[in-house]
């Protein structure tokens, strides 16, 4: 299925948008997410039309964003979206350098303090991303964090419960 979460992340990172533009971009993403949900619920016997419909969602999103955003902001959005494509940045664990390519910003839910972890490794997982922090600077004794992008809420709760259980 089409990954739209990366597109939404790119939209949230754009700092030059007005409040009206942010609301319109959010509405467009919600509309596309609903279309994706509808496509996911189609009978799986017609894979060709399902694949065509899923591929058209990303194109439809870019076209609709072009109606809402000025050209400069649309180009910035597309640039951010391409930069966050994990397939372009994924390296095998054997050939990975000690210094990663990505920054990671974590806000502690209890203290509300924000920390920047620079040069971390981020790799794509089946349901999100795995963020690998440096062993000499863990966050809450964690050196690997799973960022989960799931549609089913039950799956989101399984990960922290499994961590607590196996710890």
C-alpha atoms as a PDB file:
ATOM      1  CA  UNK A   1       0.000   0.000   0.000  1.00  0.00           C
ATOM      2  CA  UNK A   2       1.091   3.613  -0.448  1.00  0.00           C
ATOM      3  CA  UNK A   3       3.021   5.193   2.421  1.00  0.00           C
ATOM      4  CA  UNK A   4       1.527   8.628   3.056  1.00  0.00           C
ATOM      5  CA  UNK A   5       2.962   9.160   6.531  1.00  0.00           C
ATOM      6  CA  UNK A   6       6.263  10.342   5.058  1.00  0.00           C
ATOM      7  CA  UNK A   7       4.347  12.949   3.041  1.00  0.00           C
ATOM      8  CA  UNK A   8       2.556  14.173   6.167  1.00  0.00           C
ATOM      9  CA  UNK A   9       5.886  14.425   8.028  1.00  0.00           C
ATOM     10  CA  UNK A  10       7.314  16.514   5.186  1.00  0.00           C
ATOM     11  CA  UNK A  11       4.279  18.806   5.376  1.00  0.00           C
ATOM     12  CA  UNK A  12       4.646  19.267   9.134  1.00  0.00           C
ATOM     13  CA  UNK A  13       8.330  20.199   8.769  1.00  0.00           C
ATOM     14  CA  UNK A  14       7.576  23.109   6.443  1.00  0.00           C
ATOM     15  CA  UNK A  15       8.012  26.264   8.512  1.00  0.00           C
ATOM     16  CA  UNK A  16       6.880  28.888   5.971  1.00  0.00           C
ATOM     17  CA  UNK A  17       3.235  27.817   5.753  1.00  0.00           C
ATOM     18  CA  UNK A  18       0.448  30.010   7.049  1.00  0.00           C
ATOM     19  CA  UNK A  19      -2.207  28.603   9.381  1.00  0.00           C
ATOM     20  CA  UNK A  20      -4.728  28.537   6.526  1.00  0.00           C
ATOM     21  CA  UNK A  21      -2.296  26.603   4.309  1.00  0.00           C
ATOM     22  CA  UNK A  22      -1.568  24.139   7.144  1.00  0.00           C
ATOM     23  CA  UNK A  23      -5.288  23.469   7.597  1.00  0.00           C
ATOM     24  CA  UNK A  24      -5.752  22.930   3.844  1.00  0.00           C
ATOM     25  CA  UNK A  25      -2.715  20.615   3.641  1.00  0.00           C
ATOM     26  CA  UNK A  26      -4.028  18.644   6.621  1.00  0.00           C
ATOM     27  CA  UNK A  27      -7.463  18.333   5.016  1.00  0.00           C
ATOM     28  CA  UNK A  28      -5.882  17.087   1.775  1.00  0.00           C
ATOM     29  CA  UNK A  29      -3.875  14.457   3.648  1.00  0.00           C
ATOM     30  CA  UNK A  30      -6.965  13.306   5.543  1.00  0.00           C
ATOM     31  CA  UNK A  31      -8.860  13.000   2.275  1.00  0.00           C
ATOM     32  CA  UNK A  32      -6.066  10.907   0.729  1.00  0.00           C
ATOM     33  CA  UNK A  33      -5.827   8.733   3.877  1.00  0.00           C
ATOM     34  CA  UNK A  34      -9.562   8.033   3.620  1.00  0.00           C
ATOM     35  CA  UNK A  35      -9.108   7.107  -0.041  1.00  0.00           C
ATOM     36  CA  UNK A  36      -6.263   4.759   0.950  1.00  0.00           C
ATOM     37  CA  UNK A  37      -8.478   3.135   3.598  1.00  0.00           C
ATOM     38  CA  UNK A  38     -11.237   2.655   1.036  1.00  0.00           C
ATOM     39  CA  UNK A  39      -8.747   1.108  -1.399  1.00  0.00           C
ATOM     40  CA  UNK A  40      -7.449  -1.235   1.317  1.00  0.00           C
ATOM     41  CA  UNK A  41     -10.983  -2.511   1.924  1.00  0.00           C
ATOM     42  CA  UNK A  42     -11.597  -3.438  -1.718  1.00  0.00           C
ATOM     43  CA  UNK A  43     -11.746  -7.140  -2.608  1.00  0.00           C
ATOM     44  CA  UNK A  44      -8.187  -8.352  -3.184  1.00  0.00           C
ATOM     45  CA  UNK A  45      -9.084 -10.281  -6.343  1.00  0.00           C
ATOM     46  CA  UNK A  46      -8.596  -7.227  -8.553  1.00  0.00           C
ATOM     47  CA  UNK A  47      -4.935  -6.431  -7.800  1.00  0.00           C
ATOM     48  CA  UNK A  48      -4.355  -4.461 -11.000  1.00  0.00           C
ATOM     49  CA  UNK A  49      -7.026  -1.852 -10.262  1.00  0.00           C
ATOM     50  CA  UNK A  50      -6.024  -1.761  -6.587  1.00  0.00           C
ATOM     51  CA  UNK A  51      -2.384  -1.079  -7.511  1.00  0.00           C
ATOM     52  CA  UNK A  52      -3.395   1.557 -10.047  1.00  0.00           C
ATOM     53  CA  UNK A  53      -5.641   3.269  -7.494  1.00  0.00           C
ATOM     54  CA  UNK A  54      -2.906   3.205  -4.824  1.00  0.00           C
ATOM     55  CA  UNK A  55      -0.300   4.634  -7.190  1.00  0.00           C
ATOM     56  CA  UNK A  56      -2.691   7.400  -8.204  1.00  0.00           C
ATOM     57  CA  UNK A  57      -3.138   8.536  -4.574  1.00  0.00           C
ATOM     58  CA  UNK A  58       0.356  10.036  -4.338  1.00  0.00           C
ATOM     59  CA  UNK A  59      -0.050  11.770  -7.705  1.00  0.00           C
ATOM     60  CA  UNK A  60      -3.460  13.108  -6.631  1.00  0.00           C
ATOM     61  CA  UNK A  61      -1.936  14.427  -3.389  1.00  0.00           C
ATOM     62  CA  UNK A  62       0.826  16.319  -5.243  1.00  0.00           C
ATOM     63  CA  UNK A  63      -1.677  17.761  -7.732  1.00  0.00           C
ATOM     64  CA  UNK A  64      -3.994  18.936  -4.948  1.00  0.00           C
ATOM     65  CA  UNK A  65      -1.095  20.401  -2.977  1.00  0.00           C
ATOM     66  CA  UNK A  66      -0.147  22.332  -6.114  1.00  0.00           C
ATOM     67  CA  UNK A  67      -3.533  24.060  -5.921  1.00  0.00           C
ATOM     68  CA  UNK A  68      -3.011  25.014  -2.261  1.00  0.00           C
ATOM     69  CA  UNK A  69       0.704  25.835  -2.046  1.00  0.00           C
ATOM     70  CA  UNK A  70       2.709  28.381  -4.024  1.00  0.00           C
ATOM     71  CA  UNK A  71       5.375  26.925  -6.338  1.00  0.00           C
ATOM     72  CA  UNK A  72       8.286  27.561  -3.932  1.00  0.00           C
ATOM     73  CA  UNK A  73       6.540  25.803  -1.033  1.00  0.00           C
ATOM     74  CA  UNK A  74       5.494  22.899  -3.259  1.00  0.00           C
ATOM     75  CA  UNK A  75       9.106  22.415  -4.361  1.00  0.00           C
ATOM     76  CA  UNK A  76      10.241  22.572  -0.718  1.00  0.00           C
ATOM     77  CA  UNK A  77       7.624  19.958   0.196  1.00  0.00           C
ATOM     78  CA  UNK A  78       8.705  17.635  -2.616  1.00  0.00           C
ATOM     79  CA  UNK A  79      12.362  18.063  -1.656  1.00  0.00           C
ATOM     80  CA  UNK A  80      11.645  17.186   1.993  1.00  0.00           C
ATOM     81  CA  UNK A  81       9.534  14.229   0.930  1.00  0.00           C
ATOM     82  CA  UNK A  82      12.337  12.859  -1.286  1.00  0.00           C
ATOM     83  CA  UNK A  83      14.974  13.384   1.425  1.00  0.00           C
ATOM     84  CA  UNK A  84      12.973  11.290   3.898  1.00  0.00           C
ATOM     85  CA  UNK A  85      12.661   8.318   1.566  1.00  0.00           C
ATOM     86  CA  UNK A  86      14.311   5.558   3.614  1.00  0.00           C
ATOM     87  CA  UNK A  87      14.997   3.447   0.523  1.00  0.00           C
ATOM     88  CA  UNK A  88      17.526   6.042  -0.629  1.00  0.00           C
ATOM     89  CA  UNK A  89      19.303   6.123   2.719  1.00  0.00           C
ATOM     90  CA  UNK A  90      19.138   2.523   3.822  1.00  0.00           C
ATOM     91  CA  UNK A  91      22.481   0.832   4.309  1.00  0.00           C
ATOM     92  CA  UNK A  92      23.266  -2.680   5.359  1.00  0.00           C
ATOM     93  CA  UNK A  93      24.359  -3.079   8.971  1.00  0.00           C
ATOM     94  CA  UNK A  94      27.712  -4.414   7.813  1.00  0.00           C
ATOM     95  CA  UNK A  95      28.535  -1.311   5.739  1.00  0.00           C
ATOM     96  CA  UNK A  96      27.050   1.258   8.087  1.00  0.00           C
ATOM     97  CA  UNK A  97      29.419   3.972   9.266  1.00  0.00           C
ATOM     98  CA  UNK A  98      29.733   4.913  12.929  1.00  0.00           C
ATOM     99  CA  UNK A  99      28.175   8.279  12.201  1.00  0.00           C
ATOM    100  CA  UNK A 100      24.631   8.270  10.835  1.00  0.00           C
ATOM    101  CA  UNK A 101      23.052  10.659   8.355  1.00  0.00           C
ATOM    102  CA  UNK A 102      20.024  11.850  10.304  1.00  0.00           C
ATOM    103  CA  UNK A 103      19.115  14.062  13.265  1.00  0.00           C
ATOM    104  CA  UNK A 104      16.509  12.860  15.751  1.00  0.00           C
ATOM    105  CA  UNK A 105      14.509  15.148  18.047  1.00  0.00           C
ATOM    106  CA  UNK A 106      12.871  13.488  21.054  1.00  0.00           C
ATOM    107  CA  UNK A 107      10.549  15.230  23.493  1.00  0.00           C
ATOM    108  CA  UNK A 108      10.351  13.514  26.877  1.00  0.00           C
ATOM    109  CA  UNK A 109       6.637  13.057  27.666  1.00  0.00           C
ATOM    110  CA  UNK A 110       7.201  13.441  31.403  1.00  0.00           C
ATOM    111  CA  UNK A 111       9.605  16.382  31.656  1.00  0.00           C
ATOM    112  CA  UNK A 112       8.521  18.005  28.333  1.00  0.00           C
ATOM    113  CA  UNK A 113      12.196  18.659  27.539  1.00  0.00           C
ATOM    114  CA  UNK A 114      13.422  18.277  23.983  1.00  0.00           C
ATOM    115  CA  UNK A 115      16.714  16.604  23.116  1.00  0.00           C
ATOM    116  CA  UNK A 116      18.578  16.565  19.815  1.00  0.00           C
ATOM    117  CA  UNK A 117      20.443  13.428  18.822  1.00  0.00           C
ATOM    118  CA  UNK A 118      22.578  14.179  15.802  1.00  0.00           C
ATOM    119  CA  UNK A 119      24.068  11.732  13.304  1.00  0.00           C
ATOM    120  CA  UNK A 120      21.852   8.747  14.157  1.00  0.00           C
ATOM    121  CA  UNK A 121      20.957   5.816  11.912  1.00  0.00           C
ATOM    122  CA  UNK A 122      17.366   5.474  10.722  1.00  0.00           C
ATOM    123  CA  UNK A 123      16.256   2.413   8.790  1.00  0.00           C
ATOM    124  CA  UNK A 124      12.859   1.452   7.388  1.00  0.00           C
ATOM    125  CA  UNK A 125      10.843  -1.274   9.084  1.00  0.00           C
ATOM    126  CA  UNK A 126       7.679  -2.928   7.872  1.00  0.00           C
ATOM    127  CA  UNK A 127       5.547  -0.648  10.049  1.00  0.00           C
ATOM    128  CA  UNK A 128       7.655   2.478  10.534  1.00  0.00           C
ATOM    129  CA  UNK A 129      11.271   3.296  11.276  1.00  0.00           C
ATOM    130  CA  UNK A 130      14.025   2.065  13.584  1.00  0.00           C
ATOM    131  CA  UNK A 131      16.129   4.868  15.077  1.00  0.00           C
ATOM    132  CA  UNK A 132      19.541   3.771  16.348  1.00  0.00           C
ATOM    133  CA  UNK A 133      21.140   6.213  18.773  1.00  0.00           C
ATOM    134  CA  UNK A 134      24.816   6.181  19.703  1.00  0.00           C
ATOM    135  CA  UNK A 135      25.669   3.789  22.524  1.00  0.00           C
ATOM    136  CA  UNK A 136      27.525   6.529  24.413  1.00  0.00           C
ATOM    137  CA  UNK A 137      24.413   8.767  24.419  1.00  0.00           C
ATOM    138  CA  UNK A 138      21.252   6.717  24.983  1.00  0.00           C
ATOM    139  CA  UNK A 139      17.823   8.162  25.695  1.00  0.00           C
ATOM    140  CA  UNK A 140      16.321   6.667  28.877  1.00  0.00           C
ATOM    141  CA  UNK A 141      18.771   3.752  28.577  1.00  0.00           C
ATOM    142  CA  UNK A 142      17.563   3.042  25.034  1.00  0.00           C
ATOM    143  CA  UNK A 143      19.900   2.955  22.048  1.00  0.00           C
ATOM    144  CA  UNK A 144      17.263   1.755  19.561  1.00  0.00           C
ATOM    145  CA  UNK A 145      13.771   3.213  19.218  1.00  0.00           C
ATOM    146  CA  UNK A 146      10.974   1.935  16.982  1.00  0.00           C
ATOM    147  CA  UNK A 147       8.792   4.646  15.445  1.00  0.00           C
ATOM    148  CA  UNK A 148       5.526   2.891  14.659  1.00  0.00           C
ATOM    149  CA  UNK A 149       3.229   4.017  11.849  1.00  0.00           C
ATOM    150  CA  UNK A 150       0.266   1.656  12.095  1.00  0.00           C
ATOM    151  CA  UNK A 151      -3.366   1.945  11.120  1.00  0.00           C
ATOM    152  CA  UNK A 152      -4.487  -0.555  13.751  1.00  0.00           C
ATOM    153  CA  UNK A 153      -4.227   0.872  17.298  1.00  0.00           C
ATOM    154  CA  UNK A 154      -3.788  -2.622  18.769  1.00  0.00           C
ATOM    155  CA  UNK A 155      -0.422  -2.986  17.016  1.00  0.00           C
ATOM    156  CA  UNK A 156       0.788   0.312  18.458  1.00  0.00           C
ATOM    157  CA  UNK A 157       0.220  -0.924  22.019  1.00  0.00           C
ATOM    158  CA  UNK A 158       1.965  -4.265  21.434  1.00  0.00           C
ATOM    159  CA  UNK A 159       5.435  -2.752  20.964  1.00  0.00           C
ATOM    160  CA  UNK A 160       5.821  -0.963  24.341  1.00  0.00           C
ATOM    161  CA  UNK A 161       4.148  -3.833  26.160  1.00  0.00           C
ATOM    162  CA  UNK A 162       6.588  -6.283  24.607  1.00  0.00           C
ATOM    163  CA  UNK A 163       9.509  -4.040  25.606  1.00  0.00           C
ATOM    164  CA  UNK A 164       8.299  -3.897  29.221  1.00  0.00           C
ATOM    165  CA  UNK A 165       7.679  -7.647  29.277  1.00  0.00           C
ATOM    166  CA  UNK A 166      11.090  -8.639  27.868  1.00  0.00           C
ATOM    167  CA  UNK A 167      13.092  -6.064  29.792  1.00  0.00           C
END
